[in-house]
Every structure is written in structure tokens, then in C-alpha cells.
Amino acid sequence: MSTTTIRIEDDLKARVAAAAQRAGKTAHAFILEAISQTVEQVELDNAFNATADQRWAKLQASGKTVPWDDAKAYLAERARGEPARKPAARKFAK
């Protein structure tokens, strides 16, 4: 395990210490958890954006999509346990 030094303003340091105490943690554990959560969120955001980019590229390549109103109605019927017919994909208007 390596050591990293950070410089933070005195006010922020006091806020971290107070928040850590309220959470029943040391300031060190509190900071590590905050860093871990931030890194995880950035990784999730990047994965979400990569998936969105792939889907957008696929939509543009195929030119087909399902209108949101049709998809929403289909999903609502399925959620209610009703028989639902999958909506047909249509050409995408660029």
C-alpha cells in the first residue's frame, strides 16, 4: 500500500473530521470511502456513456428504432401482466 499526501483547506479538514465523527469513522476511513465512491461513480458514468455511444452507433448504422410512446405502452402492458405485442422498429428520421 502506498501513501499519498493531499493538501486541504483547514475549513474542509474540520468539516471532514466532524462528518467522520458523526458517521462513526476516522477521518482517514471517511476520506478513503469518499475517494472510493467517487472513483466508482466515474467508472459507472464512463460505462454508461460507452453503452450509450455503442447503442447510438448501432441505431445510426441500422437506421431503425422504436418510438418512445410505442415502447412505453408495450412496457406498461407487460408490467400489468397483460399480453403485449412488441412494437415494430421503424426507420429513424435523421
Protein backbone atom coordinates (compact mmCIF):
# COMPACT_ATOMS: atom_id res chain seq x y z
CA MET A 1 0.00 0.00 0.00
CA SER A 2 1.37 3.42 -0.87
CA THR A 3 0.97 6.76 0.84
CA THR A 4 -0.48 9.83 -0.84
CA THR A 5 -0.42 13.28 0.67
CA ILE A 6 -3.21 15.75 -0.03
CA ARG A 7 -3.47 19.37 0.97
CA ILE A 8 -6.87 20.62 2.01
CA GLU A 9 -8.09 23.88 3.44
CA ASP A 10 -8.43 24.00 7.23
CA ASP A 11 -12.18 24.56 6.95
CA LEU A 12 -12.65 21.47 4.81
CA LYS A 13 -10.42 19.44 7.11
CA ALA A 14 -12.61 20.41 10.07
CA ARG A 15 -15.78 19.55 8.14
CA VAL A 16 -14.34 16.15 7.18
CA ALA A 17 -13.39 15.45 10.80
CA ALA A 18 -16.87 16.42 12.02
CA ALA A 19 -18.64 14.39 9.34
CA ALA A 20 -16.41 11.38 10.00
CA GLN A 21 -17.14 11.58 13.72
CA ARG A 22 -20.89 11.72 13.04
CA ALA A 23 -20.51 8.68 10.77
CA GLY A 24 -18.55 6.84 13.47
CA LYS A 25 -15.39 6.67 11.37
CA THR A 26 -11.91 8.06 11.45
CA ALA A 27 -11.19 10.96 9.12
CA HIS A 28 -8.84 8.63 7.23
CA ALA A 29 -11.55 6.00 6.69
CA PHE A 30 -14.05 8.71 5.75
CA ILE A 31 -11.70 10.15 3.12
CA LEU A 32 -10.88 6.71 1.69
CA GLU A 33 -14.58 5.91 1.39
CA ALA A 34 -15.27 9.25 -0.32
CA ILE A 35 -12.47 8.67 -2.82
CA SER A 36 -13.65 5.10 -3.47
CA GLN A 37 -17.24 6.22 -4.04
CA THR A 38 -16.15 9.00 -6.39
CA VAL A 39 -13.93 6.66 -8.42
CA GLU A 40 -16.75 4.10 -8.63
CA GLN A 41 -19.22 6.76 -9.79
CA VAL A 42 -16.84 7.99 -12.50
CA GLU A 43 -16.33 4.39 -13.68
CA LEU A 44 -20.10 3.80 -13.77
CA ASP A 45 -20.64 7.07 -15.65
CA ASN A 46 -17.98 6.10 -18.20
CA ALA A 47 -19.51 2.65 -18.69
CA PHE A 48 -22.97 4.22 -19.11
CA ASN A 49 -21.64 6.67 -21.69
CA ALA A 50 -19.80 3.90 -23.56
CA THR A 51 -23.01 1.83 -23.72
CA ALA A 52 -24.97 4.86 -24.91
CA ASP A 53 -22.36 5.56 -27.62
CA GLN A 54 -22.49 1.92 -28.78
CA ARG A 55 -26.27 1.94 -28.93
CA TRP A 56 -26.33 5.26 -30.77
CA ALA A 57 -23.83 3.93 -33.33
CA LYS A 58 -25.95 0.79 -33.78
CA LEU A 59 -29.08 2.89 -34.25
CA GLN A 60 -27.37 5.07 -36.82
CA ALA A 61 -25.97 2.04 -38.66
CA SER A 62 -29.28 0.16 -38.80
CA GLY A 63 -31.45 3.23 -39.16
CA LYS A 64 -34.15 1.52 -37.09
CA THR A 65 -35.67 2.48 -33.77
CA VAL A 66 -38.85 2.07 -31.76
CA PRO A 67 -40.73 5.29 -30.94
CA TRP A 68 -40.77 6.01 -27.21
CA ASP A 69 -44.57 6.14 -26.97
CA ASP A 70 -44.80 2.65 -28.52
CA ALA A 71 -42.08 1.27 -26.24
CA LYS A 72 -43.65 2.86 -23.17
CA ALA A 73 -47.08 1.40 -23.97
CA TYR A 74 -45.52 -2.04 -24.51
CA LEU A 75 -43.65 -1.91 -21.20
CA ALA A 76 -46.74 -0.70 -19.32
CA GLU A 77 -48.78 -3.61 -20.68
CA ARG A 78 -46.05 -6.08 -19.67
CA ALA A 79 -45.82 -4.53 -16.19
CA ARG A 80 -49.57 -5.00 -15.75
CA GLY A 81 -49.20 -8.66 -16.77
CA GLU A 82 -51.19 -8.15 -19.94
CA PRO A 83 -50.29 -9.80 -23.23
CA ALA A 84 -48.24 -7.31 -25.20
CA ARG A 85 -47.16 -7.22 -28.80
CA LYS A 86 -43.63 -5.99 -29.38
CA PRO A 87 -43.63 -2.70 -31.25
CA ALA A 88 -42.10 -2.75 -34.71
CA ALA A 89 -38.89 -0.87 -35.38
CA ARG A 90 -39.16 1.95 -37.87
CA LYS A 91 -36.69 3.93 -39.90
CA PHE A 92 -35.03 6.64 -37.86
CA ALA A 93 -35.51 10.19 -39.12
CA LYS A 94 -32.07 11.79 -39.01
